[in-house]
């Protein structure tokens, strides 16, 4: 796929809401096979790729799905009413992230992807909204498909229960990269590049890659991976890292900066990650001059917590990301490259 940016763009531009990750997984499987990995698919849709090496079985985990909304019902004039889904507040009377309004969307219908726009009453009709004090809430949102009846929506293969995700192109913005689904396609790009570089390296582990499904829907894929008959000795999950270097937050609240290097997460809402493994990753990076950022996250969980619950010592490495769970998730390419280097350094070290 050329550069790391080319790989990232190809992954992010694919539609893959939770439960409809097939296109992403097909792309990943092809990339891993091209790199010479042995690839298998689990019944629930997880992908496993064996890179090689000998020793303890280490799996690097990233998830294929992205945040989404779900069609709740269809009006007689062809609008799709919505319910919150993965990565968003589920309360119908709570305001959604204001950044989602007006965004192009892709609905994963029965017959394939369907283009749409996420809308609400706007402009001159705002005065018809009741004064709830919360502004626009989930019950105010709907998808515009450009048709005029429920029958036309049905002909497109769209029905209650269909997921929809953002449909925006990944692009460069100054020295950054902006787009949807950095959570967690940037992690898949890191894992894929790690596999390519590790294939010719002397490894201290038997290295595996995993691309899981439905992480945003309760870590379902990683839970299945942890319960599978392919036992692992160690696990490292890759995911977005929260940034404090934006107005209204501050690095005192979240001491992570974009461009500051990989984030080693010591704990989040779901787990206190394995101290020995976490510090071993930090030490491997320090030997090669790779700067890492230490962090603890709130209101956050990762696939590593599911692996930990399966009695697999697990750590979490993240890449700084601004504006998570929006269509303008923003990363720095240097952080992605540093994540690859950090993981490769750990894989080449004496076994933990």
C-alpha atoms as a PDB file:
ATOM      1  CA  UNK A   1       0.000   0.000   0.000  1.00  0.00           C
ATOM      2  CA  UNK A   2       3.022   2.352  -0.296  1.00  0.00           C
ATOM      3  CA  UNK A   3       3.528   4.714   2.645  1.00  0.00           C
ATOM      4  CA  UNK A   4       2.013   4.423   6.091  1.00  0.00           C
ATOM      5  CA  UNK A   5      -0.316   7.280   5.124  1.00  0.00           C
ATOM      6  CA  UNK A   6      -1.483   5.346   2.041  1.00  0.00           C
ATOM      7  CA  UNK A   7      -2.238   2.317   4.213  1.00  0.00           C
ATOM      8  CA  UNK A   8      -4.016   4.429   6.827  1.00  0.00           C
ATOM      9  CA  UNK A   9      -6.142   6.214   4.236  1.00  0.00           C
ATOM     10  CA  UNK A  10      -7.159   2.962   2.554  1.00  0.00           C
ATOM     11  CA  UNK A  11      -8.245   1.523   5.911  1.00  0.00           C
ATOM     12  CA  UNK A  12     -10.024   4.603   7.255  1.00  0.00           C
ATOM     13  CA  UNK A  13     -11.970   5.244   4.067  1.00  0.00           C
ATOM     14  CA  UNK A  14     -13.617   1.808   4.262  1.00  0.00           C
ATOM     15  CA  UNK A  15     -17.036   1.577   5.963  1.00  0.00           C
ATOM     16  CA  UNK A  16     -17.000  -0.755   8.960  1.00  0.00           C
ATOM     17  CA  UNK A  17     -19.434  -0.039  11.788  1.00  0.00           C
ATOM     18  CA  UNK A  18     -19.706  -2.610  14.566  1.00  0.00           C
ATOM     19  CA  UNK A  19     -21.210  -5.804  13.239  1.00  0.00           C
ATOM     20  CA  UNK A  20     -20.513  -4.855   9.598  1.00  0.00           C
ATOM     21  CA  UNK A  21     -16.711  -4.983   9.449  1.00  0.00           C
ATOM     22  CA  UNK A  22     -16.490  -7.363   6.464  1.00  0.00           C
ATOM     23  CA  UNK A  23     -14.873  -4.900   4.046  1.00  0.00           C
ATOM     24  CA  UNK A  24     -12.246  -3.904   6.565  1.00  0.00           C
ATOM     25  CA  UNK A  25     -11.443  -7.492   7.464  1.00  0.00           C
ATOM     26  CA  UNK A  26     -11.155  -8.503   3.808  1.00  0.00           C
ATOM     27  CA  UNK A  27      -8.660  -5.678   3.213  1.00  0.00           C
ATOM     28  CA  UNK A  28      -6.650  -6.595   6.316  1.00  0.00           C
ATOM     29  CA  UNK A  29      -6.583 -10.293   5.452  1.00  0.00           C
ATOM     30  CA  UNK A  30      -5.266  -9.520   1.970  1.00  0.00           C
ATOM     31  CA  UNK A  31      -2.575  -7.184   3.348  1.00  0.00           C
ATOM     32  CA  UNK A  32      -1.429  -9.715   5.920  1.00  0.00           C
ATOM     33  CA  UNK A  33      -1.296 -12.541   3.384  1.00  0.00           C
ATOM     34  CA  UNK A  34       0.676 -10.308   1.023  1.00  0.00           C
ATOM     35  CA  UNK A  35       3.177  -9.794   3.855  1.00  0.00           C
ATOM     36  CA  UNK A  36       3.539 -13.576   4.166  1.00  0.00           C
ATOM     37  CA  UNK A  37       1.533 -14.100   7.355  1.00  0.00           C
ATOM     38  CA  UNK A  38      -0.646 -17.137   7.918  1.00  0.00           C
ATOM     39  CA  UNK A  39      -4.192 -15.773   8.248  1.00  0.00           C
ATOM     40  CA  UNK A  40      -7.259 -17.413   9.760  1.00  0.00           C
ATOM     41  CA  UNK A  41     -10.761 -16.085  10.381  1.00  0.00           C
ATOM     42  CA  UNK A  42     -12.732 -16.950  13.515  1.00  0.00           C
ATOM     43  CA  UNK A  43     -16.474 -17.732  13.352  1.00  0.00           C
ATOM     44  CA  UNK A  44     -17.427 -14.334  14.827  1.00  0.00           C
ATOM     45  CA  UNK A  45     -15.280 -12.488  12.268  1.00  0.00           C
ATOM     46  CA  UNK A  46     -12.006 -11.913  14.133  1.00  0.00           C
ATOM     47  CA  UNK A  47      -8.831 -12.214  12.048  1.00  0.00           C
ATOM     48  CA  UNK A  48      -5.594 -13.769  13.252  1.00  0.00           C
ATOM     49  CA  UNK A  49      -2.284 -13.458  11.447  1.00  0.00           C
ATOM     50  CA  UNK A  50       0.809 -15.403  12.483  1.00  0.00           C
ATOM     51  CA  UNK A  51       3.895 -13.337  11.693  1.00  0.00           C
ATOM     52  CA  UNK A  52       6.560 -15.723  12.971  1.00  0.00           C
ATOM     53  CA  UNK A  53       9.260 -16.033  15.587  1.00  0.00           C
ATOM     54  CA  UNK A  54       9.685 -18.411  18.501  1.00  0.00           C
ATOM     55  CA  UNK A  55       8.999 -18.209  22.207  1.00  0.00           C
ATOM     56  CA  UNK A  56       6.052 -16.869  24.164  1.00  0.00           C
ATOM     57  CA  UNK A  57       2.988 -16.249  22.026  1.00  0.00           C
ATOM     58  CA  UNK A  58       2.483 -12.475  21.832  1.00  0.00           C
ATOM     59  CA  UNK A  59      -0.631 -11.065  20.142  1.00  0.00           C
ATOM     60  CA  UNK A  60      -0.925  -7.423  19.082  1.00  0.00           C
ATOM     61  CA  UNK A  61      -4.619  -6.555  18.928  1.00  0.00           C
ATOM     62  CA  UNK A  62      -6.454  -3.820  17.028  1.00  0.00           C
ATOM     63  CA  UNK A  63     -10.162  -3.587  16.259  1.00  0.00           C
ATOM     64  CA  UNK A  64     -11.779  -3.259  12.846  1.00  0.00           C
ATOM     65  CA  UNK A  65     -15.034  -1.540  13.768  1.00  0.00           C
ATOM     66  CA  UNK A  66     -15.755   2.157  14.048  1.00  0.00           C
ATOM     67  CA  UNK A  67     -18.397   4.133  15.915  1.00  0.00           C
ATOM     68  CA  UNK A  68     -21.859   4.222  14.383  1.00  0.00           C
ATOM     69  CA  UNK A  69     -25.520   5.048  14.692  1.00  0.00           C
ATOM     70  CA  UNK A  70     -28.379   2.626  14.019  1.00  0.00           C
ATOM     71  CA  UNK A  71     -31.621   3.090  12.100  1.00  0.00           C
ATOM     72  CA  UNK A  72     -34.473   2.941  14.629  1.00  0.00           C
ATOM     73  CA  UNK A  73     -37.428   3.349  12.279  1.00  0.00           C
ATOM     74  CA  UNK A  74     -38.374   4.737   8.867  1.00  0.00           C
ATOM     75  CA  UNK A  75     -40.956   7.495   8.375  1.00  0.00           C
ATOM     76  CA  UNK A  76     -43.593   7.367   5.662  1.00  0.00           C
ATOM     77  CA  UNK A  77     -41.752  10.110   3.750  1.00  0.00           C
ATOM     78  CA  UNK A  78     -38.469   8.178   3.742  1.00  0.00           C
ATOM     79  CA  UNK A  79     -36.423   9.549   6.635  1.00  0.00           C
ATOM     80  CA  UNK A  80     -34.521   7.149   8.888  1.00  0.00           C
ATOM     81  CA  UNK A  81     -34.897   7.939  12.582  1.00  0.00           C
ATOM     82  CA  UNK A  82     -31.902   7.002  14.690  1.00  0.00           C
ATOM     83  CA  UNK A  83     -30.824   5.492  17.935  1.00  0.00           C
ATOM     84  CA  UNK A  84     -27.397   5.883  19.441  1.00  0.00           C
ATOM     85  CA  UNK A  85     -25.051   2.982  19.016  1.00  0.00           C
ATOM     86  CA  UNK A  86     -21.390   2.328  19.610  1.00  0.00           C
ATOM     87  CA  UNK A  87     -19.203   5.015  21.087  1.00  0.00           C
ATOM     88  CA  UNK A  88     -22.027   7.480  21.694  1.00  0.00           C
ATOM     89  CA  UNK A  89     -24.378   8.277  24.566  1.00  0.00           C
ATOM     90  CA  UNK A  90     -27.344   5.876  24.520  1.00  0.00           C
ATOM     91  CA  UNK A  91     -29.780   8.211  26.267  1.00  0.00           C
ATOM     92  CA  UNK A  92     -32.376   9.548  23.813  1.00  0.00           C
ATOM     93  CA  UNK A  93     -32.801  12.745  25.827  1.00  0.00           C
ATOM     94  CA  UNK A  94     -29.084  13.523  25.923  1.00  0.00           C
ATOM     95  CA  UNK A  95     -27.430  15.715  23.291  1.00  0.00           C
ATOM     96  CA  UNK A  96     -25.135  13.901  20.852  1.00  0.00           C
ATOM     97  CA  UNK A  97     -21.681  15.173  20.025  1.00  0.00           C
ATOM     98  CA  UNK A  98     -22.443  18.346  18.042  1.00  0.00           C
ATOM     99  CA  UNK A  99     -19.712  17.445  15.534  1.00  0.00           C
ATOM    100  CA  UNK A 100     -21.862  14.673  14.026  1.00  0.00           C
ATOM    101  CA  UNK A 101     -24.568  16.971  12.621  1.00  0.00           C
ATOM    102  CA  UNK A 102     -24.491  17.523   8.863  1.00  0.00           C
ATOM    103  CA  UNK A 103     -21.932  14.788   8.242  1.00  0.00           C
ATOM    104  CA  UNK A 104     -22.069  12.522   5.175  1.00  0.00           C
ATOM    105  CA  UNK A 105     -22.901   8.962   6.228  1.00  0.00           C
ATOM    106  CA  UNK A 106     -22.875   5.442   4.829  1.00  0.00           C
ATOM    107  CA  UNK A 107     -25.720   3.116   5.794  1.00  0.00           C
ATOM    108  CA  UNK A 108     -24.798  -0.563   5.640  1.00  0.00           C
ATOM    109  CA  UNK A 109     -27.992  -1.857   4.061  1.00  0.00           C
ATOM    110  CA  UNK A 110     -29.127  -5.314   3.086  1.00  0.00           C
ATOM    111  CA  UNK A 111     -27.786  -4.910  -0.466  1.00  0.00           C
ATOM    112  CA  UNK A 112     -24.662  -2.912   0.338  1.00  0.00           C
ATOM    113  CA  UNK A 113     -23.614   0.621   1.337  1.00  0.00           C
ATOM    114  CA  UNK A 114     -26.141   3.438   0.864  1.00  0.00           C
ATOM    115  CA  UNK A 115     -25.090   7.134   0.984  1.00  0.00           C
ATOM    116  CA  UNK A 116     -26.901   9.454   3.377  1.00  0.00           C
ATOM    117  CA  UNK A 117     -26.568  12.679   5.367  1.00  0.00           C
ATOM    118  CA  UNK A 118     -27.104  13.013   9.109  1.00  0.00           C
ATOM    119  CA  UNK A 119     -29.631  15.818   9.643  1.00  0.00           C
ATOM    120  CA  UNK A 120     -31.891  17.560  12.137  1.00  0.00           C
ATOM    121  CA  UNK A 121     -34.332  20.439  12.031  1.00  0.00           C
ATOM    122  CA  UNK A 122     -32.187  23.452  11.228  1.00  0.00           C
ATOM    123  CA  UNK A 123     -32.220  27.056  10.113  1.00  0.00           C
ATOM    124  CA  UNK A 124     -35.654  28.681  10.015  1.00  0.00           C
ATOM    125  CA  UNK A 125     -37.356  25.595  11.521  1.00  0.00           C
ATOM    126  CA  UNK A 126     -35.304  25.601  14.727  1.00  0.00           C
ATOM    127  CA  UNK A 127     -38.074  27.607  16.397  1.00  0.00           C
ATOM    128  CA  UNK A 128     -40.352  24.548  16.208  1.00  0.00           C
ATOM    129  CA  UNK A 129     -38.138  22.621  18.616  1.00  0.00           C
ATOM    130  CA  UNK A 130     -39.349  22.406  22.227  1.00  0.00           C
ATOM    131  CA  UNK A 131     -37.109  24.139  24.725  1.00  0.00           C
ATOM    132  CA  UNK A 132     -35.700  21.089  26.508  1.00  0.00           C
ATOM    133  CA  UNK A 133     -32.597  22.916  27.677  1.00  0.00           C
ATOM    134  CA  UNK A 134     -30.462  20.224  26.056  1.00  0.00           C
ATOM    135  CA  UNK A 135     -30.469  21.509  22.495  1.00  0.00           C
ATOM    136  CA  UNK A 136     -30.662  18.828  19.803  1.00  0.00           C
ATOM    137  CA  UNK A 137     -31.102  15.346  21.300  1.00  0.00           C
ATOM    138  CA  UNK A 138     -30.999  11.882  19.719  1.00  0.00           C
ATOM    139  CA  UNK A 139     -34.726  11.845  18.986  1.00  0.00           C
ATOM    140  CA  UNK A 140     -34.230  14.953  16.822  1.00  0.00           C
ATOM    141  CA  UNK A 141     -31.755  13.259  14.456  1.00  0.00           C
ATOM    142  CA  UNK A 142     -32.482  11.435  11.215  1.00  0.00           C
ATOM    143  CA  UNK A 143     -30.817  10.290   8.001  1.00  0.00           C
ATOM    144  CA  UNK A 144     -31.666  11.906   4.670  1.00  0.00           C
ATOM    145  CA  UNK A 145     -31.331   9.292   1.891  1.00  0.00           C
ATOM    146  CA  UNK A 146     -32.627  11.475  -0.913  1.00  0.00           C
ATOM    147  CA  UNK A 147     -35.836   9.477  -1.430  1.00  0.00           C
ATOM    148  CA  UNK A 148     -39.476  10.268  -0.702  1.00  0.00           C
ATOM    149  CA  UNK A 149     -41.107   7.213   0.809  1.00  0.00           C
ATOM    150  CA  UNK A 150     -40.634   4.285   3.160  1.00  0.00           C
ATOM    151  CA  UNK A 151     -41.026   1.968   0.174  1.00  0.00           C
ATOM    152  CA  UNK A 152     -38.098   3.643  -1.585  1.00  0.00           C
ATOM    153  CA  UNK A 153     -35.969   3.232   1.537  1.00  0.00           C
ATOM    154  CA  UNK A 154     -36.871  -0.463   1.639  1.00  0.00           C
ATOM    155  CA  UNK A 155     -35.874  -0.851  -2.016  1.00  0.00           C
ATOM    156  CA  UNK A 156     -32.419   0.431  -1.074  1.00  0.00           C
ATOM    157  CA  UNK A 157     -32.179  -2.364   1.495  1.00  0.00           C
ATOM    158  CA  UNK A 158     -32.308  -0.021   4.475  1.00  0.00           C
ATOM    159  CA  UNK A 159     -34.401  -1.140   7.453  1.00  0.00           C
ATOM    160  CA  UNK A 160     -34.504  -0.772  11.253  1.00  0.00           C
ATOM    161  CA  UNK A 161     -31.315  -2.181  12.695  1.00  0.00           C
ATOM    162  CA  UNK A 162     -29.001  -1.059   9.872  1.00  0.00           C
ATOM    163  CA  UNK A 163     -25.826   0.614  11.171  1.00  0.00           C
ATOM    164  CA  UNK A 164     -24.460   3.803   9.658  1.00  0.00           C
ATOM    165  CA  UNK A 165     -21.029   5.383   9.936  1.00  0.00           C
ATOM    166  CA  UNK A 166     -19.341   8.571   8.779  1.00  0.00           C
ATOM    167  CA  UNK A 167     -18.404   8.848   5.103  1.00  0.00           C
ATOM    168  CA  UNK A 168     -15.539  11.339   4.862  1.00  0.00           C
ATOM    169  CA  UNK A 169     -12.178  11.063   3.156  1.00  0.00           C
ATOM    170  CA  UNK A 170      -8.951  10.810   5.127  1.00  0.00           C
ATOM    171  CA  UNK A 171      -6.707  13.742   4.267  1.00  0.00           C
ATOM    172  CA  UNK A 172      -3.647  15.666   5.345  1.00  0.00           C
ATOM    173  CA  UNK A 173      -4.193  18.919   7.230  1.00  0.00           C
ATOM    174  CA  UNK A 174      -0.919  20.740   7.645  1.00  0.00           C
ATOM    175  CA  UNK A 175       1.333  18.284   9.413  1.00  0.00           C
ATOM    176  CA  UNK A 176      -1.558  16.160  10.714  1.00  0.00           C
ATOM    177  CA  UNK A 177      -3.865  13.501   9.289  1.00  0.00           C
ATOM    178  CA  UNK A 178      -7.628  14.000   9.671  1.00  0.00           C
ATOM    179  CA  UNK A 179     -10.538  11.654   9.019  1.00  0.00           C
ATOM    180  CA  UNK A 180     -13.031   9.229  10.472  1.00  0.00           C
ATOM    181  CA  UNK A 181     -12.241   5.815  11.987  1.00  0.00           C
ATOM    182  CA  UNK A 182      -8.742   6.588  13.277  1.00  0.00           C
ATOM    183  CA  UNK A 183     -10.360   4.636  16.118  1.00  0.00           C
ATOM    184  CA  UNK A 184      -9.195   2.023  15.343  1.00  0.00           C
ATOM    185  CA  UNK A 185      -7.942   1.842  11.742  1.00  0.00           C
ATOM    186  CA  UNK A 186      -4.778   3.725  12.633  1.00  0.00           C
ATOM    187  CA  UNK A 187      -4.109   0.839  15.029  1.00  0.00           C
ATOM    188  CA  UNK A 188      -4.644  -1.649  12.189  1.00  0.00           C
ATOM    189  CA  UNK A 189      -2.204   0.343  10.062  1.00  0.00           C
ATOM    190  CA  UNK A 190       0.362   0.218  12.885  1.00  0.00           C
ATOM    191  CA  UNK A 191      -0.164  -3.522  13.389  1.00  0.00           C
ATOM    192  CA  UNK A 192       0.070  -4.215   9.662  1.00  0.00           C
ATOM    193  CA  UNK A 193       3.282  -2.215   9.300  1.00  0.00           C
ATOM    194  CA  UNK A 194       4.676  -3.928  12.406  1.00  0.00           C
ATOM    195  CA  UNK A 195       3.980  -7.304  10.804  1.00  0.00           C
ATOM    196  CA  UNK A 196       5.777  -6.299   7.619  1.00  0.00           C
ATOM    197  CA  UNK A 197       8.881  -5.101   9.435  1.00  0.00           C
ATOM    198  CA  UNK A 198       8.896  -7.949  11.951  1.00  0.00           C
ATOM    199  CA  UNK A 199       8.749 -10.593   9.204  1.00  0.00           C
ATOM    200  CA  UNK A 200      12.450 -10.048   8.536  1.00  0.00           C
ATOM    201  CA  UNK A 201      13.543  -9.412  12.108  1.00  0.00           C
ATOM    202  CA  UNK A 202      14.934 -11.646  14.837  1.00  0.00           C
ATOM    203  CA  UNK A 203      12.047 -11.853  17.295  1.00  0.00           C
ATOM    204  CA  UNK A 204      12.041 -12.795  20.947  1.00  0.00           C
ATOM    205  CA  UNK A 205       8.430 -13.982  20.684  1.00  0.00           C
ATOM    206  CA  UNK A 206       6.087 -15.868  18.430  1.00  0.00           C
ATOM    207  CA  UNK A 207       4.302 -12.800  17.087  1.00  0.00           C
ATOM    208  CA  UNK A 208       0.635 -12.777  16.121  1.00  0.00           C
ATOM    209  CA  UNK A 209      -1.645  -9.987  14.923  1.00  0.00           C
ATOM    210  CA  UNK A 210      -5.378  -9.836  15.637  1.00  0.00           C
ATOM    211  CA  UNK A 211      -8.095  -7.677  14.102  1.00  0.00           C
ATOM    212  CA  UNK A 212     -11.183  -7.943  16.273  1.00  0.00           C
ATOM    213  CA  UNK A 213     -14.831  -7.118  15.651  1.00  0.00           C
ATOM    214  CA  UNK A 214     -17.324  -5.162  17.753  1.00  0.00           C
ATOM    215  CA  UNK A 215     -14.863  -3.576  20.168  1.00  0.00           C
ATOM    216  CA  UNK A 216     -17.104  -0.518  20.278  1.00  0.00           C
ATOM    217  CA  UNK A 217     -20.018  -2.786  21.149  1.00  0.00           C
ATOM    218  CA  UNK A 218     -18.645  -4.143  24.406  1.00  0.00           C
ATOM    219  CA  UNK A 219     -15.274  -5.701  23.429  1.00  0.00           C
ATOM    220  CA  UNK A 220     -17.136  -8.673  21.943  1.00  0.00           C
ATOM    221  CA  UNK A 221     -14.479  -9.748  19.475  1.00  0.00           C
ATOM    222  CA  UNK A 222     -11.651  -9.595  22.001  1.00  0.00           C
ATOM    223  CA  UNK A 223     -13.760 -11.511  24.507  1.00  0.00           C
ATOM    224  CA  UNK A 224     -14.187 -14.266  21.930  1.00  0.00           C
ATOM    225  CA  UNK A 225     -10.456 -14.127  21.151  1.00  0.00           C
ATOM    226  CA  UNK A 226      -9.584 -14.554  24.810  1.00  0.00           C
ATOM    227  CA  UNK A 227     -11.921 -17.552  25.059  1.00  0.00           C
ATOM    228  CA  UNK A 228     -10.666 -19.197  21.845  1.00  0.00           C
ATOM    229  CA  UNK A 229      -8.558 -22.347  21.618  1.00  0.00           C
ATOM    230  CA  UNK A 230      -5.539 -20.320  20.428  1.00  0.00           C
ATOM    231  CA  UNK A 231      -4.007 -19.425  23.796  1.00  0.00           C
ATOM    232  CA  UNK A 232      -1.678 -16.443  24.024  1.00  0.00           C
ATOM    233  CA  UNK A 233       0.907 -15.721  26.680  1.00  0.00           C
ATOM    234  CA  UNK A 234       0.899 -11.931  26.303  1.00  0.00           C
ATOM    235  CA  UNK A 235      -1.304  -9.314  24.642  1.00  0.00           C
ATOM    236  CA  UNK A 236      -0.804  -5.690  23.630  1.00  0.00           C
ATOM    237  CA  UNK A 237      -3.825  -3.734  22.427  1.00  0.00           C
ATOM    238  CA  UNK A 238      -3.495  -0.711  20.165  1.00  0.00           C
ATOM    239  CA  UNK A 239      -6.054   2.078  20.384  1.00  0.00           C
ATOM    240  CA  UNK A 240      -6.580   5.831  20.316  1.00  0.00           C
ATOM    241  CA  UNK A 241      -4.921   7.945  22.976  1.00  0.00           C
ATOM    242  CA  UNK A 242      -6.803  10.890  24.450  1.00  0.00           C
ATOM    243  CA  UNK A 243      -5.165  14.332  24.063  1.00  0.00           C
ATOM    244  CA  UNK A 244      -5.226  17.255  26.424  1.00  0.00           C
ATOM    245  CA  UNK A 245      -3.610  19.786  24.089  1.00  0.00           C
ATOM    246  CA  UNK A 246      -6.862  21.376  22.901  1.00  0.00           C
ATOM    247  CA  UNK A 247      -8.791  24.394  24.221  1.00  0.00           C
ATOM    248  CA  UNK A 248     -11.030  23.595  27.159  1.00  0.00           C
ATOM    249  CA  UNK A 249      -9.092  20.515  28.326  1.00  0.00           C
ATOM    250  CA  UNK A 250      -5.414  21.164  29.024  1.00  0.00           C
ATOM    251  CA  UNK A 251      -2.485  18.869  29.668  1.00  0.00           C
ATOM    252  CA  UNK A 252      -3.067  19.097  33.415  1.00  0.00           C
ATOM    253  CA  UNK A 253      -6.304  17.188  32.870  1.00  0.00           C
ATOM    254  CA  UNK A 254      -4.858  14.859  30.212  1.00  0.00           C
ATOM    255  CA  UNK A 255      -1.038  14.962  29.954  1.00  0.00           C
ATOM    256  CA  UNK A 256      -0.856  13.688  26.369  1.00  0.00           C
ATOM    257  CA  UNK A 257       0.133  15.796  23.361  1.00  0.00           C
ATOM    258  CA  UNK A 258      -0.271  15.154  19.666  1.00  0.00           C
ATOM    259  CA  UNK A 259       3.190  14.569  18.228  1.00  0.00           C
ATOM    260  CA  UNK A 260       4.582  13.641  21.647  1.00  0.00           C
ATOM    261  CA  UNK A 261       5.086   9.949  20.874  1.00  0.00           C
ATOM    262  CA  UNK A 262       3.311   6.708  21.788  1.00  0.00           C
ATOM    263  CA  UNK A 263       1.109   6.639  24.877  1.00  0.00           C
ATOM    264  CA  UNK A 264       1.598   3.867  27.416  1.00  0.00           C
ATOM    265  CA  UNK A 265      -1.694   3.545  29.283  1.00  0.00           C
ATOM    266  CA  UNK A 266      -1.331   2.255  32.824  1.00  0.00           C
ATOM    267  CA  UNK A 267      -5.036   2.096  33.634  1.00  0.00           C
ATOM    268  CA  UNK A 268      -8.446   3.024  32.282  1.00  0.00           C
ATOM    269  CA  UNK A 269     -12.060   2.497  33.335  1.00  0.00           C
ATOM    270  CA  UNK A 270     -11.906  -1.232  32.651  1.00  0.00           C
ATOM    271  CA  UNK A 271      -8.509  -2.412  33.887  1.00  0.00           C
ATOM    272  CA  UNK A 272      -5.215  -1.712  35.605  1.00  0.00           C
ATOM    273  CA  UNK A 273      -2.909  -3.129  32.961  1.00  0.00           C
ATOM    274  CA  UNK A 274      -0.064  -5.529  33.695  1.00  0.00           C
ATOM    275  CA  UNK A 275       2.688  -3.499  35.337  1.00  0.00           C
ATOM    276  CA  UNK A 276       5.577  -5.768  34.386  1.00  0.00           C
ATOM    277  CA  UNK A 277       4.592  -5.949  30.716  1.00  0.00           C
ATOM    278  CA  UNK A 278       3.886  -2.205  30.559  1.00  0.00           C
ATOM    279  CA  UNK A 279       7.255  -1.283  32.032  1.00  0.00           C
ATOM    280  CA  UNK A 280       9.015  -3.775  29.742  1.00  0.00           C
ATOM    281  CA  UNK A 281       7.522  -1.981  26.735  1.00  0.00           C
ATOM    282  CA  UNK A 282       8.732   1.358  28.118  1.00  0.00           C
ATOM    283  CA  UNK A 283      12.218  -0.054  28.718  1.00  0.00           C
ATOM    284  CA  UNK A 284      12.455  -1.430  25.181  1.00  0.00           C
ATOM    285  CA  UNK A 285      11.593   1.988  23.809  1.00  0.00           C
ATOM    286  CA  UNK A 286      14.060   3.768  26.077  1.00  0.00           C
ATOM    287  CA  UNK A 287      16.908   1.574  24.782  1.00  0.00           C
ATOM    288  CA  UNK A 288      16.219   2.891  21.279  1.00  0.00           C
ATOM    289  CA  UNK A 289      15.565   6.483  22.239  1.00  0.00           C
ATOM    290  CA  UNK A 290      11.797   6.318  21.693  1.00  0.00           C
ATOM    291  CA  UNK A 291       9.964   8.816  23.881  1.00  0.00           C
ATOM    292  CA  UNK A 292       6.703   7.560  25.385  1.00  0.00           C
ATOM    293  CA  UNK A 293       3.924   9.401  27.193  1.00  0.00           C
ATOM    294  CA  UNK A 294       2.454   7.900  30.374  1.00  0.00           C
ATOM    295  CA  UNK A 295      -1.297   8.170  30.896  1.00  0.00           C
ATOM    296  CA  UNK A 296      -4.353   6.991  32.791  1.00  0.00           C
ATOM    297  CA  UNK A 297      -7.709   7.301  31.017  1.00  0.00           C
ATOM    298  CA  UNK A 298     -11.217   7.767  32.355  1.00  0.00           C
ATOM    299  CA  UNK A 299     -14.433   6.791  30.531  1.00  0.00           C
ATOM    300  CA  UNK A 300     -12.371   4.466  28.342  1.00  0.00           C
ATOM    301  CA  UNK A 301     -11.882   0.742  27.779  1.00  0.00           C
ATOM    302  CA  UNK A 302      -9.899  -1.421  25.366  1.00  0.00           C
ATOM    303  CA  UNK A 303      -9.565  -4.925  23.987  1.00  0.00           C
ATOM    304  CA  UNK A 304      -6.729  -5.523  26.439  1.00  0.00           C
ATOM    305  CA  UNK A 305      -9.164  -5.598  29.340  1.00  0.00           C
ATOM    306  CA  UNK A 306     -10.994  -8.513  27.686  1.00  0.00           C
ATOM    307  CA  UNK A 307      -7.681 -10.342  27.242  1.00  0.00           C
ATOM    308  CA  UNK A 308      -6.792  -9.630  30.872  1.00  0.00           C
ATOM    309  CA  UNK A 309     -10.096 -11.198  31.955  1.00  0.00           C
ATOM    310  CA  UNK A 310      -9.076 -14.299  29.978  1.00  0.00           C
ATOM    311  CA  UNK A 311      -5.968 -14.575  32.188  1.00  0.00           C
ATOM    312  CA  UNK A 312      -3.610 -13.157  29.541  1.00  0.00           C
ATOM    313  CA  UNK A 313      -1.206 -10.477  30.846  1.00  0.00           C
ATOM    314  CA  UNK A 314      -2.109  -7.431  28.778  1.00  0.00           C
ATOM    315  CA  UNK A 315      -0.884  -3.891  28.100  1.00  0.00           C
ATOM    316  CA  UNK A 316      -2.310  -0.948  26.165  1.00  0.00           C
ATOM    317  CA  UNK A 317      -0.295   1.205  23.761  1.00  0.00           C
ATOM    318  CA  UNK A 318      -2.081   4.183  22.219  1.00  0.00           C
ATOM    319  CA  UNK A 319      -1.384   6.854  19.613  1.00  0.00           C
ATOM    320  CA  UNK A 320      -2.420  10.427  20.502  1.00  0.00           C
ATOM    321  CA  UNK A 321      -5.718  11.341  18.817  1.00  0.00           C
ATOM    322  CA  UNK A 322      -7.688  14.569  18.933  1.00  0.00           C
ATOM    323  CA  UNK A 323     -11.498  14.747  18.567  1.00  0.00           C
ATOM    324  CA  UNK A 324     -12.160  11.046  19.141  1.00  0.00           C
ATOM    325  CA  UNK A 325     -15.519   9.573  18.111  1.00  0.00           C
ATOM    326  CA  UNK A 326     -16.061  12.214  15.418  1.00  0.00           C
ATOM    327  CA  UNK A 327     -15.566  12.496  11.658  1.00  0.00           C
ATOM    328  CA  UNK A 328     -12.438  14.631  12.185  1.00  0.00           C
ATOM    329  CA  UNK A 329     -10.288  12.377  14.354  1.00  0.00           C
ATOM    330  CA  UNK A 330      -6.774  13.791  14.075  1.00  0.00           C
ATOM    331  CA  UNK A 331      -3.427  12.027  14.410  1.00  0.00           C
ATOM    332  CA  UNK A 332       0.223  12.807  13.749  1.00  0.00           C
ATOM    333  CA  UNK A 333       2.087  10.466  11.403  1.00  0.00           C
ATOM    334  CA  UNK A 334       5.216  10.672  13.552  1.00  0.00           C
ATOM    335  CA  UNK A 335       3.282   9.152  16.471  1.00  0.00           C
ATOM    336  CA  UNK A 336       2.128   6.252  14.289  1.00  0.00           C
ATOM    337  CA  UNK A 337       5.670   5.604  13.083  1.00  0.00           C
ATOM    338  CA  UNK A 338       6.944   5.753  16.668  1.00  0.00           C
ATOM    339  CA  UNK A 339       4.312   3.204  17.730  1.00  0.00           C
ATOM    340  CA  UNK A 340       5.569   0.806  15.068  1.00  0.00           C
ATOM    341  CA  UNK A 341       9.156   1.344  16.222  1.00  0.00           C
ATOM    342  CA  UNK A 342       8.230   0.884  19.896  1.00  0.00           C
ATOM    343  CA  UNK A 343       6.406  -2.390  19.294  1.00  0.00           C
ATOM    344  CA  UNK A 344       9.173  -3.711  17.062  1.00  0.00           C
ATOM    345  CA  UNK A 345      11.726  -2.820  19.716  1.00  0.00           C
ATOM    346  CA  UNK A 346       9.765  -4.788  22.305  1.00  0.00           C
ATOM    347  CA  UNK A 347       9.362  -7.773  19.979  1.00  0.00           C
ATOM    348  CA  UNK A 348      13.136  -7.878  19.373  1.00  0.00           C
ATOM    349  CA  UNK A 349      14.030  -7.681  23.056  1.00  0.00           C
ATOM    350  CA  UNK A 350      14.799 -10.623  25.317  1.00  0.00           C
ATOM    351  CA  UNK A 351      11.465 -12.229  26.234  1.00  0.00           C
ATOM    352  CA  UNK A 352       9.525 -10.587  29.058  1.00  0.00           C
END
